[in-house]
Amino acid sequence: MVFLNYGDVPISNNLAETAIQPFVVGRKNWLFCDSVKGAESNAIVYSLVETAKVNGIEYYEYLMLALSMLPYLGKSPAHEELEKLMPWHPAVRHREHIRK
């Protein structure tokens, strides 16, 4: 019902459904995850990949960058530090090797 009040909100959620389609198809493959932590980690990485795709970033190179930087942030990095690793952050977008 939000689209009735805001004209820029699309009526359908086709973009979201298309983005999660590979995850839904692969769900049977991940049915027997060894642990809850493993399933959570899988969901986090999948979310990062899809976010990179939507932001026009080469997702493999982006994951290599983000996962190589995370150990240097410690066990509980601040929100501001994690924000610097997001695909929309200028520090990430300006890297030549990860742009499509």
PDB file of N, CA and C in Angstrom:
ATOM      1  N   MET A   1       0.804  -1.197   0.000  1.00  0.00           N
ATOM      2  CA  MET A   1       0.000   0.000   0.000  1.00  0.00           C
ATOM      3  C   MET A   1       0.852   1.268   0.000  1.00  0.00           C
ATOM      4  N   VAL A   2       2.152   1.144   0.273  1.00  0.00           N
ATOM      5  CA  VAL A   2       3.026   2.313   0.311  1.00  0.00           C
ATOM      6  C   VAL A   2       3.067   3.012  -1.046  1.00  0.00           C
ATOM      7  N   PHE A   3       2.996   2.236  -2.132  1.00  0.00           N
ATOM      8  CA  PHE A   3       3.077   2.837  -3.459  1.00  0.00           C
ATOM      9  C   PHE A   3       1.947   3.811  -3.730  1.00  0.00           C
ATOM     10  N   LEU A   4       0.854   3.716  -2.989  1.00  0.00           N
ATOM     11  CA  LEU A   4      -0.247   4.662  -3.167  1.00  0.00           C
ATOM     12  C   LEU A   4       0.114   6.050  -2.660  1.00  0.00           C
ATOM     13  N   ASN A   5       0.965   6.120  -1.648  1.00  0.00           N
ATOM     14  CA  ASN A   5       1.354   7.418  -1.081  1.00  0.00           C
ATOM     15  C   ASN A   5       2.613   7.997  -1.712  1.00  0.00           C
ATOM     16  N   TYR A   6       3.461   7.130  -2.275  1.00  0.00           N
ATOM     17  CA  TYR A   6       4.735   7.571  -2.833  1.00  0.00           C
ATOM     18  C   TYR A   6       4.842   7.075  -4.271  1.00  0.00           C
ATOM     19  N   GLY A   7       4.837   8.002  -5.199  1.00  0.00           N
ATOM     20  CA  GLY A   7       4.843   7.652  -6.615  1.00  0.00           C
ATOM     21  C   GLY A   7       6.097   6.970  -7.109  1.00  0.00           C
ATOM     22  N   ASP A   8       7.215   7.140  -6.418  1.00  0.00           N
ATOM     23  CA  ASP A   8       8.454   6.527  -6.889  1.00  0.00           C
ATOM     24  C   ASP A   8       8.638   5.088  -6.409  1.00  0.00           C
ATOM     25  N   VAL A   9       7.720   4.581  -5.596  1.00  0.00           N
ATOM     26  CA  VAL A   9       7.775   3.189  -5.133  1.00  0.00           C
ATOM     27  C   VAL A   9       7.064   2.330  -6.168  1.00  0.00           C
ATOM     28  N   PRO A  10       7.751   1.309  -6.706  1.00  0.00           N
ATOM     29  CA  PRO A  10       7.106   0.479  -7.737  1.00  0.00           C
ATOM     30  C   PRO A  10       5.945  -0.339  -7.158  1.00  0.00           C
ATOM     31  N   ILE A  11       4.976  -0.607  -8.019  1.00  0.00           N
ATOM     32  CA  ILE A  11       3.808  -1.381  -7.603  1.00  0.00           C
ATOM     33  C   ILE A  11       4.182  -2.836  -7.353  1.00  0.00           C
ATOM     34  N   SER A  12       5.059  -3.366  -8.182  1.00  0.00           N
ATOM     35  CA  SER A  12       5.417  -4.785  -8.044  1.00  0.00           C
ATOM     36  C   SER A  12       6.785  -4.927  -7.388  1.00  0.00           C
ATOM     37  N   ASN A  13       7.058  -6.138  -6.940  1.00  0.00           N
ATOM     38  CA  ASN A  13       8.364  -6.433  -6.356  1.00  0.00           C
ATOM     39  C   ASN A  13       9.151  -7.374  -7.264  1.00  0.00           C
ATOM     40  N   ASN A  14       8.954  -7.253  -8.576  1.00  0.00           N
ATOM     41  CA  ASN A  14       9.623  -8.121  -9.539  1.00  0.00           C
ATOM     42  C   ASN A  14      11.142  -8.052  -9.429  1.00  0.00           C
ATOM     43  N   LEU A  15      11.701  -6.864  -9.196  1.00  0.00           N
ATOM     44  CA  LEU A  15      13.155  -6.751  -9.080  1.00  0.00           C
ATOM     45  C   LEU A  15      13.680  -7.566  -7.909  1.00  0.00           C
ATOM     46  N   ALA A  16      12.997  -7.486  -6.777  1.00  0.00           N
ATOM     47  CA  ALA A  16      13.421  -8.251  -5.600  1.00  0.00           C
ATOM     48  C   ALA A  16      13.269  -9.746  -5.838  1.00  0.00           C
ATOM     49  N   GLU A  17      12.165 -10.148  -6.459  1.00  0.00           N
ATOM     50  CA  GLU A  17      11.950 -11.568  -6.715  1.00  0.00           C
ATOM     51  C   GLU A  17      12.973 -12.117  -7.706  1.00  0.00           C
ATOM     52  N   THR A  18      13.319 -11.336  -8.716  1.00  0.00           N
ATOM     53  CA  THR A  18      14.325 -11.768  -9.679  1.00  0.00           C
ATOM     54  C   THR A  18      15.686 -11.897  -9.014  1.00  0.00           C
ATOM     55  N   ALA A  19      15.995 -10.993  -8.100  1.00  0.00           N
ATOM     56  CA  ALA A  19      17.294 -11.033  -7.419  1.00  0.00           C
ATOM     57  C   ALA A  19      17.437 -12.257  -6.526  1.00  0.00           C
ATOM     58  N   ILE A  20      16.349 -12.700  -5.910  1.00  0.00           N
ATOM     59  CA  ILE A  20      16.460 -13.835  -4.995  1.00  0.00           C
ATOM     60  C   ILE A  20      16.176 -15.176  -5.662  1.00  0.00           C
ATOM     61  N   GLN A  21      15.825 -15.168  -6.933  1.00  0.00           N
ATOM     62  CA  GLN A  21      15.496 -16.416  -7.618  1.00  0.00           C
ATOM     63  C   GLN A  21      16.623 -17.456  -7.542  1.00  0.00           C
ATOM     64  N   PRO A  22      17.890 -17.096  -7.802  1.00  0.00           N
ATOM     65  CA  PRO A  22      18.950 -18.110  -7.681  1.00  0.00           C
ATOM     66  C   PRO A  22      19.060 -18.681  -6.266  1.00  0.00           C
ATOM     67  N   PHE A  23      18.801 -17.863  -5.278  1.00  0.00           N
ATOM     68  CA  PHE A  23      18.856 -18.337  -3.900  1.00  0.00           C
ATOM     69  C   PHE A  23      17.740 -19.348  -3.637  1.00  0.00           C
ATOM     70  N   VAL A  24      16.555 -19.063  -4.147  1.00  0.00           N
ATOM     71  CA  VAL A  24      15.417 -19.968  -3.958  1.00  0.00           C
ATOM     72  C   VAL A  24      15.686 -21.291  -4.669  1.00  0.00           C
ATOM     73  N   VAL A  25      16.251 -21.232  -5.862  1.00  0.00           N
ATOM     74  CA  VAL A  25      16.578 -22.451  -6.600  1.00  0.00           C
ATOM     75  C   VAL A  25      17.637 -23.252  -5.852  1.00  0.00           C
ATOM     76  N   GLY A  26      18.623 -22.573  -5.285  1.00  0.00           N
ATOM     77  CA  GLY A  26      19.700 -23.252  -4.565  1.00  0.00           C
ATOM     78  C   GLY A  26      19.338 -23.692  -3.162  1.00  0.00           C
ATOM     79  N   ARG A  27      18.181 -23.294  -2.682  1.00  0.00           N
ATOM     80  CA  ARG A  27      17.787 -23.596  -1.311  1.00  0.00           C
ATOM     81  C   ARG A  27      17.831 -25.088  -1.000  1.00  0.00           C
ATOM     82  N   LYS A  28      17.440 -25.926  -1.936  1.00  0.00           N
ATOM     83  CA  LYS A  28      17.476 -27.371  -1.701  1.00  0.00           C
ATOM     84  C   LYS A  28      18.912 -27.857  -1.535  1.00  0.00           C
ATOM     85  N   ASN A  29      19.840 -27.216  -2.223  1.00  0.00           N
ATOM     86  CA  ASN A  29      21.247 -27.604  -2.085  1.00  0.00           C
ATOM     87  C   ASN A  29      21.783 -27.273  -0.703  1.00  0.00           C
ATOM     88  N   TRP A  30      21.227 -26.246  -0.070  1.00  0.00           N
ATOM     89  CA  TRP A  30      21.714 -25.808   1.239  1.00  0.00           C
ATOM     90  C   TRP A  30      20.844 -26.337   2.371  1.00  0.00           C
ATOM     91  N   LEU A  31      19.951 -27.249   2.046  1.00  0.00           N
ATOM     92  CA  LEU A  31      19.009 -27.767   3.029  1.00  0.00           C
ATOM     93  C   LEU A  31      19.705 -28.363   4.243  1.00  0.00           C
ATOM     94  N   PHE A  32      20.826 -28.996   4.027  1.00  0.00           N
ATOM     95  CA  PHE A  32      21.496 -29.688   5.118  1.00  0.00           C
ATOM     96  C   PHE A  32      22.752 -28.949   5.563  1.00  0.00           C
ATOM     97  N   CYS A  33      22.652 -27.634   5.759  1.00  0.00           N
ATOM     98  CA  CYS A  33      23.777 -26.866   6.302  1.00  0.00           C
ATOM     99  C   CYS A  33      24.154 -27.473   7.648  1.00  0.00           C
ATOM    100  N   ASP A  34      25.439 -27.528   7.924  1.00  0.00           N
ATOM    101  CA  ASP A  34      25.906 -28.169   9.143  1.00  0.00           C
ATOM    102  C   ASP A  34      25.502 -27.426  10.409  1.00  0.00           C
ATOM    103  N   SER A  35      25.346 -26.111  10.313  1.00  0.00           N
ATOM    104  CA  SER A  35      25.054 -25.355  11.527  1.00  0.00           C
ATOM    105  C   SER A  35      24.257 -24.099  11.193  1.00  0.00           C
ATOM    106  N   VAL A  36      23.695 -23.513  12.222  1.00  0.00           N
ATOM    107  CA  VAL A  36      22.973 -22.255  12.068  1.00  0.00           C
ATOM    108  C   VAL A  36      23.950 -21.157  11.662  1.00  0.00           C
ATOM    109  N   LYS A  37      25.146 -21.169  12.256  1.00  0.00           N
ATOM    110  CA  LYS A  37      26.162 -20.156  11.910  1.00  0.00           C
ATOM    111  C   LYS A  37      26.543 -20.265  10.436  1.00  0.00           C
ATOM    112  N   GLY A  38      26.645 -21.494   9.939  1.00  0.00           N
ATOM    113  CA  GLY A  38      26.961 -21.693   8.526  1.00  0.00           C
ATOM    114  C   GLY A  38      25.875 -21.133   7.629  1.00  0.00           C
ATOM    115  N   ALA A  39      24.625 -21.350   8.001  1.00  0.00           N
ATOM    116  CA  ALA A  39      23.507 -20.812   7.227  1.00  0.00           C
ATOM    117  C   ALA A  39      23.497 -19.284   7.288  1.00  0.00           C
ATOM    118  N   GLU A  40      23.782 -18.714   8.450  1.00  0.00           N
ATOM    119  CA  GLU A  40      23.835 -17.251   8.581  1.00  0.00           C
ATOM    120  C   GLU A  40      24.954 -16.678   7.721  1.00  0.00           C
ATOM    121  N   SER A  41      26.114 -17.328   7.739  1.00  0.00           N
ATOM    122  CA  SER A  41      27.249 -16.867   6.932  1.00  0.00           C
ATOM    123  C   SER A  41      26.908 -16.922   5.452  1.00  0.00           C
ATOM    124  N   ASN A  42      26.250 -17.982   5.048  1.00  0.00           N
ATOM    125  CA  ASN A  42      25.828 -18.123   3.662  1.00  0.00           C
ATOM    126  C   ASN A  42      24.897 -16.987   3.269  1.00  0.00           C
ATOM    127  N   ALA A  43      23.947 -16.660   4.127  1.00  0.00           N
ATOM    128  CA  ALA A  43      23.002 -15.580   3.842  1.00  0.00           C
ATOM    129  C   ALA A  43      23.706 -14.226   3.749  1.00  0.00           C
ATOM    130  N   ILE A  44      24.695 -14.005   4.601  1.00  0.00           N
ATOM    131  CA  ILE A  44      25.432 -12.740   4.581  1.00  0.00           C
ATOM    132  C   ILE A  44      26.207 -12.590   3.275  1.00  0.00           C
ATOM    133  N   VAL A  45      26.923 -13.641   2.885  1.00  0.00           N
ATOM    134  CA  VAL A  45      27.712 -13.582   1.652  1.00  0.00           C
ATOM    135  C   VAL A  45      26.781 -13.420   0.454  1.00  0.00           C
ATOM    136  N   TYR A  46      25.674 -14.141   0.446  1.00  0.00           N
ATOM    137  CA  TYR A  46      24.727 -14.020  -0.659  1.00  0.00           C
ATOM    138  C   TYR A  46      24.172 -12.600  -0.738  1.00  0.00           C
ATOM    139  N   SER A  47      23.869 -11.997   0.393  1.00  0.00           N
ATOM    140  CA  SER A  47      23.369 -10.618   0.416  1.00  0.00           C
ATOM    141  C   SER A  47      24.412  -9.658  -0.140  1.00  0.00           C
ATOM    142  N   LEU A  48      25.681  -9.858   0.216  1.00  0.00           N
ATOM    143  CA  LEU A  48      26.749  -9.002  -0.304  1.00  0.00           C
ATOM    144  C   LEU A  48      26.874  -9.140  -1.820  1.00  0.00           C
ATOM    145  N   VAL A  49      26.782 -10.362  -2.320  1.00  0.00           N
ATOM    146  CA  VAL A  49      26.881 -10.588  -3.764  1.00  0.00           C
ATOM    147  C   VAL A  49      25.751  -9.877  -4.498  1.00  0.00           C
ATOM    148  N   GLU A  50      24.538 -10.053  -4.030  1.00  0.00           N
ATOM    149  CA  GLU A  50      23.400  -9.418  -4.697  1.00  0.00           C
ATOM    150  C   GLU A  50      23.453  -7.897  -4.584  1.00  0.00           C
ATOM    151  N   THR A  51      23.914  -7.376  -3.462  1.00  0.00           N
ATOM    152  CA  THR A  51      24.055  -5.931  -3.292  1.00  0.00           C
ATOM    153  C   THR A  51      25.105  -5.384  -4.251  1.00  0.00           C
ATOM    154  N   ALA A  52      26.189  -6.112  -4.416  1.00  0.00           N
ATOM    155  CA  ALA A  52      27.230  -5.689  -5.366  1.00  0.00           C
ATOM    156  C   ALA A  52      26.679  -5.681  -6.789  1.00  0.00           C
ATOM    157  N   LYS A  53      25.930  -6.709  -7.152  1.00  0.00           N
ATOM    158  CA  LYS A  53      25.350  -6.765  -8.496  1.00  0.00           C
ATOM    159  C   LYS A  53      24.443  -5.562  -8.752  1.00  0.00           C
ATOM    160  N   VAL A  54      23.572  -5.263  -7.796  1.00  0.00           N
ATOM    161  CA  VAL A  54      22.627  -4.150  -7.954  1.00  0.00           C
ATOM    162  C   VAL A  54      23.371  -2.823  -8.084  1.00  0.00           C
ATOM    163  N   ASN A  55      24.521  -2.703  -7.421  1.00  0.00           N
ATOM    164  CA  ASN A  55      25.297  -1.459  -7.466  1.00  0.00           C
ATOM    165  C   ASN A  55      26.300  -1.416  -8.608  1.00  0.00           C
ATOM    166  N   GLY A  56      26.251  -2.384  -9.524  1.00  0.00           N
ATOM    167  CA  GLY A  56      27.122  -2.378 -10.696  1.00  0.00           C
ATOM    168  C   GLY A  56      28.575  -2.677 -10.391  1.00  0.00           C
ATOM    169  N   ILE A  57      28.813  -3.471  -9.358  1.00  0.00           N
ATOM    170  CA  ILE A  57      30.172  -3.824  -8.947  1.00  0.00           C
ATOM    171  C   ILE A  57      30.435  -5.277  -9.320  1.00  0.00           C
ATOM    172  N   GLU A  58      31.633  -5.575  -9.801  1.00  0.00           N
ATOM    173  CA  GLU A  58      32.037  -6.954 -10.074  1.00  0.00           C
ATOM    174  C   GLU A  58      32.079  -7.694  -8.747  1.00  0.00           C
ATOM    175  N   TYR A  59      31.152  -8.616  -8.544  1.00  0.00           N
ATOM    176  CA  TYR A  59      30.960  -9.185  -7.210  1.00  0.00           C
ATOM    177  C   TYR A  59      32.110 -10.059  -6.736  1.00  0.00           C
ATOM    178  N   TYR A  60      32.793 -10.777  -7.608  1.00  0.00           N
ATOM    179  CA  TYR A  60      33.906 -11.610  -7.144  1.00  0.00           C
ATOM    180  C   TYR A  60      35.037 -10.733  -6.617  1.00  0.00           C
ATOM    181  N   GLU A  61      35.380  -9.710  -7.370  1.00  0.00           N
ATOM    182  CA  GLU A  61      36.444  -8.794  -6.943  1.00  0.00           C
ATOM    183  C   GLU A  61      36.035  -8.050  -5.675  1.00  0.00           C
ATOM    184  N   TYR A  62      34.757  -7.689  -5.591  1.00  0.00           N
ATOM    185  CA  TYR A  62      34.261  -7.011  -4.395  1.00  0.00           C
ATOM    186  C   TYR A  62      34.378  -7.908  -3.169  1.00  0.00           C
ATOM    187  N   LEU A  63      33.959  -9.168  -3.302  1.00  0.00           N
ATOM    188  CA  LEU A  63      34.060 -10.094  -2.169  1.00  0.00           C
ATOM    189  C   LEU A  63      35.510 -10.293  -1.747  1.00  0.00           C
ATOM    190  N   MET A  64      36.395 -10.396  -2.720  1.00  0.00           N
ATOM    191  CA  MET A  64      37.822 -10.548  -2.397  1.00  0.00           C
ATOM    192  C   MET A  64      38.308  -9.333  -1.598  1.00  0.00           C
ATOM    193  N   LEU A  65      37.889  -8.147  -2.004  1.00  0.00           N
ATOM    194  CA  LEU A  65      38.274  -6.926  -1.289  1.00  0.00           C
ATOM    195  C   LEU A  65      37.685  -6.909   0.116  1.00  0.00           C
ATOM    196  N   ALA A  66      36.379  -7.109   0.225  1.00  0.00           N
ATOM    197  CA  ALA A  66      35.710  -7.024   1.527  1.00  0.00           C
ATOM    198  C   ALA A  66      36.204  -8.099   2.487  1.00  0.00           C
ATOM    199  N   LEU A  67      36.314  -9.329   2.021  1.00  0.00           N
ATOM    200  CA  LEU A  67      36.737 -10.414   2.904  1.00  0.00           C
ATOM    201  C   LEU A  67      38.214 -10.322   3.284  1.00  0.00           C
ATOM    202  N   SER A  68      39.015  -9.677   2.449  1.00  0.00           N
ATOM    203  CA  SER A  68      40.422  -9.490   2.820  1.00  0.00           C
ATOM    204  C   SER A  68      40.602  -8.346   3.817  1.00  0.00           C
ATOM    205  N   MET A  69      39.657  -7.398   3.837  1.00  0.00           N
ATOM    206  CA  MET A  69      39.744  -6.268   4.759  1.00  0.00           C
ATOM    207  C   MET A  69      39.130  -6.567   6.127  1.00  0.00           C
ATOM    208  N   LEU A  70      38.147  -7.435   6.176  1.00  0.00           N
ATOM    209  CA  LEU A  70      37.426  -7.711   7.431  1.00  0.00           C
ATOM    210  C   LEU A  70      38.326  -8.148   8.586  1.00  0.00           C
ATOM    211  N   PRO A  71      39.316  -9.012   8.386  1.00  0.00           N
ATOM    212  CA  PRO A  71      40.141  -9.418   9.530  1.00  0.00           C
ATOM    213  C   PRO A  71      40.873  -8.264  10.211  1.00  0.00           C
ATOM    214  N   TYR A  72      41.139  -7.203   9.476  1.00  0.00           N
ATOM    215  CA  TYR A  72      41.845  -6.053  10.036  1.00  0.00           C
ATOM    216  C   TYR A  72      40.943  -5.147  10.863  1.00  0.00           C
ATOM    217  N   LEU A  73      39.630  -5.393  10.810  1.00  0.00           N
ATOM    218  CA  LEU A  73      38.681  -4.556  11.550  1.00  0.00           C
ATOM    219  C   LEU A  73      38.381  -5.088  12.945  1.00  0.00           C
ATOM    220  N   GLY A  74      38.883  -6.259  13.280  1.00  0.00           N
ATOM    221  CA  GLY A  74      38.664  -6.822  14.609  1.00  0.00           C
ATOM    222  C   GLY A  74      37.390  -7.644  14.691  1.00  0.00           C
ATOM    223  N   LYS A  75      37.096  -8.118  15.896  1.00  0.00           N
ATOM    224  CA  LYS A  75      35.941  -9.006  16.093  1.00  0.00           C
ATOM    225  C   LYS A  75      34.609  -8.283  16.030  1.00  0.00           C
ATOM    226  N   SER A  76      34.554  -7.064  16.483  1.00  0.00           N
ATOM    227  CA  SER A  76      33.301  -6.304  16.482  1.00  0.00           C
ATOM    228  C   SER A  76      33.527  -4.928  15.868  1.00  0.00           C
ATOM    229  N   PRO A  77      33.623  -4.871  14.536  1.00  0.00           N
ATOM    230  CA  PRO A  77      33.879  -3.574  13.908  1.00  0.00           C
ATOM    231  C   PRO A  77      32.696  -2.629  14.066  1.00  0.00           C
ATOM    232  N   ALA A  78      33.010  -1.365  14.135  1.00  0.00           N
ATOM    233  CA  ALA A  78      31.972  -0.331  14.250  1.00  0.00           C
ATOM    234  C   ALA A  78      31.191  -0.242  12.943  1.00  0.00           C
ATOM    235  N   HIS A  79      29.974   0.225  13.058  1.00  0.00           N
ATOM    236  CA  HIS A  79      29.107   0.386  11.890  1.00  0.00           C
ATOM    237  C   HIS A  79      29.784   1.257  10.828  1.00  0.00           C
ATOM    238  N   GLU A  80      30.469   2.292  11.259  1.00  0.00           N
ATOM    239  CA  GLU A  80      31.135   3.211  10.331  1.00  0.00           C
ATOM    240  C   GLU A  80      32.222   2.495   9.535  1.00  0.00           C
ATOM    241  N   GLU A  81      32.940   1.578  10.196  1.00  0.00           N
ATOM    242  CA  GLU A  81      33.994   0.826   9.512  1.00  0.00           C
ATOM    243  C   GLU A  81      33.402  -0.133   8.481  1.00  0.00           C
ATOM    244  N   LEU A  82      32.302  -0.787   8.829  1.00  0.00           N
ATOM    245  CA  LEU A  82      31.646  -1.697   7.889  1.00  0.00           C
ATOM    246  C   LEU A  82      31.034  -0.930   6.718  1.00  0.00           C
ATOM    247  N   GLU A  83      30.537   0.260   6.987  1.00  0.00           N
ATOM    248  CA  GLU A  83      29.953   1.085   5.928  1.00  0.00           C
ATOM    249  C   GLU A  83      30.982   1.385   4.831  1.00  0.00           C
ATOM    250  N   LYS A  84      32.245   1.514   5.217  1.00  0.00           N
ATOM    251  CA  LYS A  84      33.312   1.791   4.244  1.00  0.00           C
ATOM    252  C   LYS A  84      33.556   0.630   3.295  1.00  0.00           C
ATOM    253  N   LEU A  85      33.040  -0.550   3.624  1.00  0.00           N
ATOM    254  CA  LEU A  85      33.202  -1.724   2.762  1.00  0.00           C
ATOM    255  C   LEU A  85      31.982  -2.005   1.886  1.00  0.00           C
ATOM    256  N   MET A  86      30.934  -1.208   2.022  1.00  0.00           N
ATOM    257  CA  MET A  86      29.724  -1.445   1.248  1.00  0.00           C
ATOM    258  C   MET A  86      29.915  -1.032  -0.211  1.00  0.00           C
ATOM    259  N   PRO A  87      29.248  -1.708  -1.144  1.00  0.00           N
ATOM    260  CA  PRO A  87      29.445  -1.431  -2.573  1.00  0.00           C
ATOM    261  C   PRO A  87      29.132  -0.004  -2.994  1.00  0.00           C
ATOM    262  N   TRP A  88      28.282   0.702  -2.256  1.00  0.00           N
ATOM    263  CA  TRP A  88      27.928   2.067  -2.640  1.00  0.00           C
ATOM    264  C   TRP A  88      28.883   3.114  -2.075  1.00  0.00           C
ATOM    265  N   HIS A  89      29.789   2.713  -1.209  1.00  0.00           N
ATOM    266  CA  HIS A  89      30.717   3.675  -0.609  1.00  0.00           C
ATOM    267  C   HIS A  89      31.712   4.155  -1.671  1.00  0.00           C
ATOM    268  N   PRO A  90      32.010   5.456  -1.715  1.00  0.00           N
ATOM    269  CA  PRO A  90      32.930   5.987  -2.732  1.00  0.00           C
ATOM    270  C   PRO A  90      34.303   5.309  -2.739  1.00  0.00           C
ATOM    271  N   ALA A  91      34.807   4.907  -1.581  1.00  0.00           N
ATOM    272  CA  ALA A  91      36.118   4.253  -1.531  1.00  0.00           C
ATOM    273  C   ALA A  91      36.108   2.926  -2.285  1.00  0.00           C
ATOM    274  N   VAL A  92      34.975   2.258  -2.315  1.00  0.00           N
ATOM    275  CA  VAL A  92      34.850   0.996  -3.050  1.00  0.00           C
ATOM    276  C   VAL A  92      34.545   1.269  -4.517  1.00  0.00           C
ATOM    277  N   ARG A  93      33.644   2.181  -4.780  1.00  0.00           N
ATOM    278  CA  ARG A  93      33.228   2.467  -6.167  1.00  0.00           C
ATOM    279  C   ARG A  93      34.361   3.019  -7.019  1.00  0.00           C
ATOM    280  N   HIS A  94      35.348   3.671  -6.414  1.00  0.00           N
ATOM    281  CA  HIS A  94      36.441   4.272  -7.182  1.00  0.00           C
ATOM    282  C   HIS A  94      37.534   3.278  -7.547  1.00  0.00           C
ATOM    283  N   ARG A  95      37.453   2.076  -7.069  1.00  0.00           N
ATOM    284  CA  ARG A  95      38.466   1.069  -7.404  1.00  0.00           C
ATOM    285  C   ARG A  95      38.198   0.551  -8.813  1.00  0.00           C
ATOM    286  N   GLU A  96      39.163   0.732  -9.682  1.00  0.00           N
ATOM    287  CA  GLU A  96      38.998   0.391 -11.102  1.00  0.00           C
ATOM    288  C   GLU A  96      38.704  -1.087 -11.316  1.00  0.00           C
ATOM    289  N   HIS A  97      39.350  -1.970 -10.563  1.00  0.00           N
ATOM    290  CA  HIS A  97      39.257  -3.399 -10.856  1.00  0.00           C
ATOM    291  C   HIS A  97      37.947  -4.041 -10.428  1.00  0.00           C
ATOM    292  N   ILE A  98      37.093  -3.342  -9.687  1.00  0.00           N
ATOM    293  CA  ILE A  98      35.849  -3.966  -9.282  1.00  0.00           C
ATOM    294  C   ILE A  98      34.620  -3.369  -9.967  1.00  0.00           C
ATOM    295  N   ARG A  99      34.811  -2.351 -10.771  1.00  0.00           N
ATOM    296  CA  ARG A  99      33.666  -1.794 -11.505  1.00  0.00           C
ATOM    297  C   ARG A  99      33.412  -2.621 -12.754  1.00  0.00           C
ATOM    298  N   LYS A 100      32.154  -2.770 -13.110  1.00  0.00           N
ATOM    299  CA  LYS A 100      31.797  -3.512 -14.329  1.00  0.00           C
ATOM    300  C   LYS A 100      32.041  -2.664 -15.535  1.00  0.00           C
TER     301      LYS A 100
END
